[in-house]
């Protein structure tokens, strides 16, 4: 597995890349748990959560959003995780990417306050996507997809 954290750039040959989209602010670092669950794969994980976000830097948001956009477009697939600790209002990407033909994987904590919204919107836009309710199940979906 290759691991790339915002604002780093992967090497030229990343192989199959998966973007880890979902909660960052006011929630556990689920991206590291997903990283551990997928460590035995040949995937490249693109993580938008960075260890030290310079909250006082007015240009930081622009850099962050540009990095996320670039690597969402580059990724072969996108994993979405909606934790219960936050609204994930910034995860507007699910709407845009659910309308594409890019593979997406959707996981929702069973206590996420907008769980029904995610379930209904996903069913309408991408009825073939099976929503799961744990990071372990989400990682298994990604592994099955990556295995071909």
N, C-alpha and C. Protein backbone atom coordinates (compact mmCIF):
# COMPACT_ATOMS: atom_id res chain seq x y z
N UNK A 1 0.84 -1.17 0.00
CA UNK A 1 0.00 0.00 0.00
C UNK A 1 0.88 1.24 0.00
N UNK A 2 0.44 2.23 -0.77
CA UNK A 2 1.09 3.54 -0.78
C UNK A 2 0.13 4.49 -0.08
N UNK A 3 0.66 5.33 0.79
CA UNK A 3 -0.16 6.27 1.56
C UNK A 3 0.26 7.69 1.21
N UNK A 4 -0.72 8.53 0.82
CA UNK A 4 -0.45 9.92 0.46
C UNK A 4 -1.40 10.80 1.27
N UNK A 5 -0.81 11.74 2.00
CA UNK A 5 -1.57 12.65 2.84
C UNK A 5 -1.55 14.04 2.22
N UNK A 6 -2.67 14.77 2.32
CA UNK A 6 -2.71 16.15 1.83
C UNK A 6 -1.60 16.92 2.53
N UNK A 7 -0.92 17.68 1.88
CA UNK A 7 -0.82 18.21 0.54
C UNK A 7 0.31 17.54 -0.24
N UNK A 8 0.69 16.33 0.14
CA UNK A 8 1.74 15.61 -0.57
C UNK A 8 1.26 15.19 -1.95
N UNK A 9 2.22 14.82 -2.80
CA UNK A 9 1.91 14.33 -4.14
C UNK A 9 2.43 12.90 -4.25
N UNK A 10 1.62 12.02 -4.83
CA UNK A 10 2.10 10.65 -5.02
C UNK A 10 3.15 10.59 -6.13
N UNK A 11 3.91 9.50 -6.13
CA UNK A 11 4.84 9.26 -7.23
C UNK A 11 4.06 9.10 -8.52
N UNK A 12 4.74 9.15 -9.63
CA UNK A 12 4.09 9.07 -10.94
C UNK A 12 3.25 7.80 -11.09
N UNK A 13 3.77 6.67 -10.62
CA UNK A 13 3.04 5.41 -10.77
C UNK A 13 2.39 5.03 -9.45
N UNK A 14 1.15 5.45 -9.28
CA UNK A 14 0.45 5.18 -8.03
C UNK A 14 -0.32 3.87 -8.05
N UNK A 15 -0.46 3.28 -9.21
CA UNK A 15 -1.32 2.10 -9.28
C UNK A 15 -2.77 2.52 -9.10
N UNK A 16 -3.54 1.68 -8.46
CA UNK A 16 -4.97 1.96 -8.25
C UNK A 16 -5.10 2.85 -7.01
N UNK A 17 -5.68 4.03 -7.20
CA UNK A 17 -5.78 5.02 -6.12
C UNK A 17 -7.21 5.13 -5.60
N UNK A 18 -7.33 5.23 -4.28
CA UNK A 18 -8.61 5.36 -3.60
C UNK A 18 -8.56 6.59 -2.71
N UNK A 19 -9.52 7.49 -2.89
CA UNK A 19 -9.61 8.71 -2.10
C UNK A 19 -10.48 8.44 -0.88
N UNK A 20 -10.01 8.86 0.30
CA UNK A 20 -10.74 8.66 1.55
C UNK A 20 -11.53 9.92 1.88
N UNK A 21 -12.77 9.98 1.43
CA UNK A 21 -13.62 11.15 1.62
C UNK A 21 -14.52 10.93 2.84
N UNK A 22 -14.69 11.98 3.61
CA UNK A 22 -15.56 11.86 4.78
C UNK A 22 -15.13 12.82 5.86
N UNK A 23 -15.66 12.60 7.04
CA UNK A 23 -15.43 13.50 8.15
C UNK A 23 -13.96 13.70 8.48
N UNK A 24 -13.61 14.94 8.79
CA UNK A 24 -12.26 15.28 9.24
C UNK A 24 -12.36 16.07 10.55
N UNK A 25 -13.19 17.09 10.57
CA UNK A 25 -13.29 17.97 11.73
C UNK A 25 -14.25 17.38 12.78
N UNK A 26 -13.82 17.44 14.02
CA UNK A 26 -14.65 17.01 15.16
C UNK A 26 -15.08 15.55 15.10
N UNK A 27 -14.22 14.71 14.58
CA UNK A 27 -14.52 13.28 14.55
C UNK A 27 -13.22 12.49 14.67
N UNK A 28 -13.33 11.21 15.03
CA UNK A 28 -12.13 10.38 15.12
C UNK A 28 -11.40 10.29 13.79
N UNK A 29 -10.13 9.98 13.86
CA UNK A 29 -9.30 9.83 12.66
C UNK A 29 -9.59 8.46 12.03
N UNK A 30 -10.74 8.36 11.41
CA UNK A 30 -11.17 7.09 10.80
C UNK A 30 -10.26 6.73 9.62
N UNK A 31 -9.63 7.74 9.01
CA UNK A 31 -8.76 7.48 7.87
C UNK A 31 -7.59 6.57 8.27
N UNK A 32 -7.07 6.74 9.49
CA UNK A 32 -5.97 5.88 9.93
C UNK A 32 -6.46 4.46 10.19
N UNK A 33 -7.69 4.33 10.68
CA UNK A 33 -8.26 2.99 10.85
C UNK A 33 -8.44 2.31 9.49
N UNK A 34 -8.92 3.06 8.50
CA UNK A 34 -9.08 2.52 7.15
C UNK A 34 -7.72 2.15 6.57
N UNK A 35 -6.73 2.99 6.82
CA UNK A 35 -5.36 2.71 6.37
C UNK A 35 -4.89 1.37 6.93
N UNK A 36 -5.12 1.12 8.20
CA UNK A 36 -4.72 -0.14 8.82
C UNK A 36 -5.50 -1.32 8.22
N UNK A 37 -6.77 -1.12 7.95
CA UNK A 37 -7.60 -2.19 7.37
C UNK A 37 -7.19 -2.54 5.95
N UNK A 38 -6.60 -1.58 5.23
CA UNK A 38 -6.21 -1.79 3.83
C UNK A 38 -4.70 -1.93 3.64
N UNK A 39 -3.96 -2.06 4.72
CA UNK A 39 -2.49 -2.09 4.63
C UNK A 39 -1.95 -3.25 3.81
N UNK A 40 -2.70 -4.33 3.70
CA UNK A 40 -2.22 -5.50 2.96
C UNK A 40 -2.65 -5.50 1.49
N UNK A 41 -3.00 -4.33 0.97
CA UNK A 41 -3.40 -4.22 -0.44
C UNK A 41 -2.31 -3.51 -1.23
N UNK A 42 -2.49 -3.48 -2.54
CA UNK A 42 -1.58 -2.75 -3.42
C UNK A 42 -2.15 -1.37 -3.78
N UNK A 43 -3.13 -0.91 -3.05
CA UNK A 43 -3.78 0.36 -3.34
C UNK A 43 -2.94 1.55 -2.92
N UNK A 44 -3.22 2.69 -3.53
CA UNK A 44 -2.70 3.96 -3.06
C UNK A 44 -3.85 4.68 -2.38
N UNK A 45 -3.68 5.01 -1.11
CA UNK A 45 -4.71 5.72 -0.36
C UNK A 45 -4.40 7.21 -0.36
N UNK A 46 -5.38 8.00 -0.74
CA UNK A 46 -5.25 9.46 -0.80
C UNK A 46 -6.07 10.03 0.36
N UNK A 47 -5.38 10.56 1.37
CA UNK A 47 -6.02 11.02 2.59
C UNK A 47 -6.03 12.54 2.67
N UNK A 48 -7.21 13.17 2.66
CA UNK A 48 -7.26 14.62 2.75
C UNK A 48 -6.99 15.17 4.15
N UNK A 49 -7.04 14.31 5.18
CA UNK A 49 -6.77 14.78 6.54
C UNK A 49 -5.26 14.90 6.72
N UNK A 50 -4.82 16.05 7.15
CA UNK A 50 -3.39 16.20 7.38
C UNK A 50 -3.13 16.42 8.87
N UNK A 51 -1.95 16.01 9.27
CA UNK A 51 -1.60 16.03 10.69
C UNK A 51 -1.69 17.43 11.29
N UNK A 52 -1.28 18.44 10.53
CA UNK A 52 -1.26 19.80 11.07
C UNK A 52 -1.84 20.77 10.05
N UNK A 53 -3.11 21.11 10.20
CA UNK A 53 -3.75 22.08 9.32
C UNK A 53 -3.52 23.48 9.89
N UNK A 54 -2.93 24.39 9.11
CA UNK A 54 -2.65 25.75 9.60
C UNK A 54 -3.91 26.62 9.60
N UNK A 55 -4.72 26.45 10.62
CA UNK A 55 -6.03 27.10 10.68
C UNK A 55 -5.94 28.62 10.57
N UNK A 56 -4.84 29.23 10.99
CA UNK A 56 -4.69 30.68 10.91
C UNK A 56 -4.24 31.21 9.56
N UNK A 57 -3.94 30.32 8.63
CA UNK A 57 -3.46 30.72 7.31
C UNK A 57 -4.64 30.85 6.36
N UNK A 58 -4.95 32.08 5.89
CA UNK A 58 -6.11 32.25 5.01
C UNK A 58 -6.00 31.51 3.68
N UNK A 59 -4.79 31.19 3.24
CA UNK A 59 -4.63 30.46 1.98
C UNK A 59 -4.71 28.95 2.13
N UNK A 60 -4.74 28.48 3.36
CA UNK A 60 -4.73 27.04 3.61
C UNK A 60 -5.97 26.34 3.05
N UNK A 61 -7.12 26.97 3.19
CA UNK A 61 -8.36 26.35 2.69
C UNK A 61 -8.31 26.17 1.18
N UNK A 62 -7.84 27.19 0.47
CA UNK A 62 -7.73 27.10 -0.99
C UNK A 62 -6.81 25.96 -1.39
N UNK A 63 -5.63 25.89 -0.77
CA UNK A 63 -4.69 24.80 -1.07
C UNK A 63 -5.31 23.44 -0.80
N UNK A 64 -6.00 23.33 0.33
CA UNK A 64 -6.62 22.07 0.72
C UNK A 64 -7.69 21.65 -0.28
N UNK A 65 -8.57 22.55 -0.61
CA UNK A 65 -9.67 22.24 -1.52
C UNK A 65 -9.14 21.92 -2.92
N UNK A 66 -8.13 22.64 -3.37
CA UNK A 66 -7.54 22.34 -4.68
C UNK A 66 -6.90 20.95 -4.68
N UNK A 67 -6.20 20.60 -3.59
CA UNK A 67 -5.60 19.27 -3.50
C UNK A 67 -6.69 18.20 -3.54
N UNK A 68 -7.74 18.39 -2.75
CA UNK A 68 -8.84 17.42 -2.72
C UNK A 68 -9.48 17.26 -4.10
N UNK A 69 -9.73 18.37 -4.77
CA UNK A 69 -10.34 18.30 -6.10
C UNK A 69 -9.45 17.54 -7.08
N UNK A 70 -8.17 17.87 -7.08
CA UNK A 70 -7.23 17.23 -8.00
C UNK A 70 -7.22 15.71 -7.78
N UNK A 71 -7.15 15.28 -6.52
CA UNK A 71 -7.02 13.86 -6.26
C UNK A 71 -8.35 13.12 -6.24
N UNK A 72 -9.45 13.80 -6.04
CA UNK A 72 -10.75 13.18 -6.27
C UNK A 72 -10.90 12.84 -7.76
N UNK A 73 -10.46 13.75 -8.61
CA UNK A 73 -10.51 13.51 -10.06
C UNK A 73 -9.56 12.40 -10.48
N UNK A 74 -8.39 12.35 -9.86
CA UNK A 74 -7.38 11.36 -10.23
C UNK A 74 -7.71 9.96 -9.72
N UNK A 75 -8.37 9.88 -8.59
CA UNK A 75 -8.63 8.58 -7.94
C UNK A 75 -9.42 7.65 -8.84
N UNK A 76 -9.14 6.37 -8.69
CA UNK A 76 -9.90 5.34 -9.41
C UNK A 76 -11.22 5.04 -8.72
N UNK A 77 -11.27 5.28 -7.42
CA UNK A 77 -12.49 5.04 -6.64
C UNK A 77 -12.47 5.97 -5.43
N UNK A 78 -13.65 6.17 -4.84
CA UNK A 78 -13.79 7.04 -3.68
C UNK A 78 -14.53 6.29 -2.58
N UNK A 79 -13.96 6.36 -1.38
CA UNK A 79 -14.59 5.79 -0.20
C UNK A 79 -15.19 6.94 0.60
N UNK A 80 -16.46 6.85 0.94
CA UNK A 80 -17.12 7.85 1.77
C UNK A 80 -17.44 7.23 3.12
N UNK A 81 -17.09 7.92 4.21
CA UNK A 81 -17.46 7.47 5.55
C UNK A 81 -18.10 8.65 6.29
N UNK A 82 -19.29 8.40 6.83
CA UNK A 82 -20.04 9.40 7.57
C UNK A 82 -20.07 8.99 9.04
N UNK A 83 -19.17 9.58 9.86
CA UNK A 83 -19.14 9.24 11.28
C UNK A 83 -20.27 9.94 12.04
N UNK A 84 -20.59 9.41 13.21
CA UNK A 84 -21.71 9.98 13.97
C UNK A 84 -21.37 11.28 14.69
N UNK A 85 -20.09 11.60 14.84
CA UNK A 85 -19.70 12.75 15.66
C UNK A 85 -19.87 14.10 14.99
N UNK A 86 -20.10 14.13 13.68
CA UNK A 86 -20.17 15.40 12.96
C UNK A 86 -21.19 15.30 11.82
N UNK A 87 -21.63 16.45 11.33
CA UNK A 87 -22.57 16.49 10.20
C UNK A 87 -21.91 16.15 8.88
N UNK A 88 -20.61 16.33 8.78
CA UNK A 88 -19.88 16.12 7.51
C UNK A 88 -20.40 17.05 6.42
N UNK A 89 -20.69 18.28 6.78
CA UNK A 89 -21.26 19.19 5.79
C UNK A 89 -20.32 19.43 4.61
N UNK A 90 -19.03 19.27 4.80
CA UNK A 90 -18.09 19.49 3.71
C UNK A 90 -18.07 18.31 2.74
N UNK A 91 -18.67 17.21 3.10
CA UNK A 91 -18.65 16.03 2.23
C UNK A 91 -19.73 16.16 1.16
N UNK A 92 -19.72 17.28 0.50
CA UNK A 92 -20.65 17.50 -0.60
C UNK A 92 -20.23 16.71 -1.83
N UNK A 93 -19.01 16.17 -1.78
CA UNK A 93 -18.50 15.42 -2.92
C UNK A 93 -19.39 14.23 -3.27
N UNK A 94 -20.09 13.66 -2.29
CA UNK A 94 -20.87 12.47 -2.59
C UNK A 94 -21.92 12.77 -3.65
N UNK A 95 -22.50 13.96 -3.60
CA UNK A 95 -23.49 14.32 -4.60
C UNK A 95 -22.89 14.37 -5.99
N UNK A 96 -21.77 15.04 -6.12
CA UNK A 96 -21.12 15.17 -7.42
C UNK A 96 -20.63 13.83 -7.94
N UNK A 97 -19.97 13.06 -7.07
CA UNK A 97 -19.37 11.80 -7.53
C UNK A 97 -20.40 10.69 -7.68
N UNK A 98 -21.54 10.80 -7.01
CA UNK A 98 -22.56 9.78 -7.21
C UNK A 98 -23.18 9.89 -8.60
N UNK A 99 -23.00 11.04 -9.23
CA UNK A 99 -23.54 11.24 -10.57
C UNK A 99 -22.53 10.85 -11.65
N UNK A 100 -21.37 10.38 -11.25
CA UNK A 100 -20.36 9.94 -12.21
C UNK A 100 -20.39 8.42 -12.31
N UNK A 101 -19.53 7.88 -13.17
CA UNK A 101 -19.45 6.42 -13.26
C UNK A 101 -18.26 5.88 -12.46
N UNK A 102 -17.60 6.75 -11.70
CA UNK A 102 -16.47 6.33 -10.86
C UNK A 102 -16.99 5.44 -9.74
N UNK A 103 -16.30 4.33 -9.45
CA UNK A 103 -16.73 3.49 -8.33
C UNK A 103 -16.70 4.27 -7.01
N UNK A 104 -17.78 4.15 -6.26
CA UNK A 104 -17.84 4.75 -4.93
C UNK A 104 -18.25 3.68 -3.93
N UNK A 105 -17.77 3.85 -2.71
CA UNK A 105 -18.11 2.97 -1.60
C UNK A 105 -18.60 3.86 -0.48
N UNK A 106 -19.76 3.53 0.11
CA UNK A 106 -20.38 4.40 1.09
C UNK A 106 -20.59 3.65 2.40
N UNK A 107 -20.05 4.23 3.46
CA UNK A 107 -20.26 3.71 4.80
C UNK A 107 -20.83 4.80 5.68
N UNK A 108 -21.77 4.41 6.54
CA UNK A 108 -22.44 5.36 7.42
C UNK A 108 -22.48 4.76 8.82
N UNK A 109 -21.99 5.50 9.81
CA UNK A 109 -22.14 5.04 11.19
C UNK A 109 -23.64 4.95 11.48
N UNK A 110 -24.06 3.93 12.18
CA UNK A 110 -25.49 3.72 12.42
C UNK A 110 -26.13 4.87 13.19
N UNK A 111 -25.34 5.66 13.90
CA UNK A 111 -25.88 6.81 14.65
C UNK A 111 -25.67 8.14 13.94
N UNK A 112 -25.22 8.13 12.69
CA UNK A 112 -25.04 9.38 11.95
C UNK A 112 -26.40 10.05 11.78
N UNK A 113 -26.48 11.33 12.14
CA UNK A 113 -27.78 11.98 12.20
C UNK A 113 -28.47 12.17 10.84
N UNK A 114 -27.72 12.11 9.76
CA UNK A 114 -28.34 12.22 8.43
C UNK A 114 -28.25 10.91 7.67
N UNK A 115 -28.22 9.82 8.39
CA UNK A 115 -28.10 8.49 7.80
C UNK A 115 -29.17 8.25 6.72
N UNK A 116 -30.41 8.55 7.06
CA UNK A 116 -31.49 8.32 6.09
C UNK A 116 -31.29 9.14 4.82
N UNK A 117 -30.81 10.36 4.96
CA UNK A 117 -30.57 11.20 3.78
C UNK A 117 -29.54 10.55 2.86
N UNK A 118 -28.44 10.07 3.46
CA UNK A 118 -27.40 9.41 2.67
C UNK A 118 -27.97 8.16 2.00
N UNK A 119 -28.74 7.39 2.74
CA UNK A 119 -29.32 6.16 2.18
C UNK A 119 -30.25 6.46 1.01
N UNK A 120 -31.11 7.43 1.17
CA UNK A 120 -32.08 7.75 0.11
C UNK A 120 -31.37 8.34 -1.11
N UNK A 121 -30.49 9.32 -0.90
CA UNK A 121 -29.80 9.95 -2.02
C UNK A 121 -28.95 8.94 -2.79
N UNK A 122 -28.27 8.06 -2.06
CA UNK A 122 -27.44 7.06 -2.72
C UNK A 122 -28.30 6.09 -3.51
N UNK A 123 -29.41 5.66 -2.94
CA UNK A 123 -30.31 4.73 -3.62
C UNK A 123 -30.88 5.34 -4.90
N UNK A 124 -31.15 6.64 -4.88
CA UNK A 124 -31.68 7.31 -6.06
C UNK A 124 -30.62 7.48 -7.14
N UNK A 125 -29.43 7.91 -6.74
CA UNK A 125 -28.38 8.21 -7.72
C UNK A 125 -27.60 6.98 -8.15
N UNK A 126 -27.34 6.07 -7.23
CA UNK A 126 -26.50 4.89 -7.52
C UNK A 126 -27.10 3.67 -6.82
N UNK A 127 -28.21 3.14 -7.31
CA UNK A 127 -28.87 2.03 -6.64
C UNK A 127 -27.99 0.78 -6.49
N UNK A 128 -26.94 0.67 -7.28
CA UNK A 128 -26.06 -0.50 -7.19
C UNK A 128 -25.09 -0.41 -6.01
N UNK A 129 -24.96 0.75 -5.40
CA UNK A 129 -24.04 0.93 -4.27
C UNK A 129 -24.69 0.40 -3.00
N UNK A 130 -24.01 -0.53 -2.36
CA UNK A 130 -24.49 -1.12 -1.11
C UNK A 130 -23.87 -0.35 0.05
N UNK A 131 -24.68 0.35 0.79
CA UNK A 131 -24.20 1.10 1.95
C UNK A 131 -23.92 0.12 3.08
N UNK A 132 -22.80 0.34 3.77
CA UNK A 132 -22.44 -0.49 4.92
C UNK A 132 -22.33 0.40 6.16
N UNK A 133 -22.26 -0.25 7.33
CA UNK A 133 -22.38 0.49 8.58
C UNK A 133 -21.19 0.30 9.52
N UNK A 134 -20.05 -0.11 8.96
CA UNK A 134 -18.82 -0.18 9.75
C UNK A 134 -17.64 0.02 8.82
N UNK A 135 -16.53 0.49 9.39
CA UNK A 135 -15.32 0.67 8.60
C UNK A 135 -14.78 -0.67 8.10
N UNK A 136 -14.93 -1.71 8.90
CA UNK A 136 -14.46 -3.04 8.48
C UNK A 136 -15.21 -3.51 7.24
N UNK A 137 -16.53 -3.33 7.22
CA UNK A 137 -17.31 -3.72 6.03
C UNK A 137 -16.93 -2.87 4.83
N UNK A 138 -16.68 -1.60 5.06
CA UNK A 138 -16.29 -0.69 3.99
C UNK A 138 -14.95 -1.12 3.40
N UNK A 139 -14.01 -1.45 4.25
CA UNK A 139 -12.70 -1.92 3.78
C UNK A 139 -12.84 -3.21 2.99
N UNK A 140 -13.71 -4.11 3.42
CA UNK A 140 -13.92 -5.37 2.69
C UNK A 140 -14.47 -5.12 1.30
N UNK A 141 -15.39 -4.16 1.16
CA UNK A 141 -15.91 -3.80 -0.17
C UNK A 141 -14.76 -3.32 -1.07
N UNK A 142 -13.92 -2.47 -0.53
CA UNK A 142 -12.80 -1.93 -1.32
C UNK A 142 -11.86 -3.06 -1.72
N UNK A 143 -11.54 -3.96 -0.80
CA UNK A 143 -10.67 -5.09 -1.10
C UNK A 143 -11.27 -5.97 -2.18
N UNK A 144 -12.56 -6.27 -2.09
CA UNK A 144 -13.22 -7.10 -3.11
C UNK A 144 -13.15 -6.43 -4.47
N UNK A 145 -13.39 -5.12 -4.51
CA UNK A 145 -13.32 -4.38 -5.77
C UNK A 145 -11.90 -4.42 -6.34
N UNK A 146 -10.92 -4.16 -5.47
CA UNK A 146 -9.53 -4.12 -5.91
C UNK A 146 -9.04 -5.49 -6.42
N UNK A 147 -9.60 -6.55 -5.87
CA UNK A 147 -9.20 -7.90 -6.28
C UNK A 147 -9.75 -8.25 -7.67
N UNK A 148 -10.67 -7.44 -8.13
CA UNK A 148 -11.12 -7.63 -9.50
C UNK A 148 -12.41 -8.27 -9.65
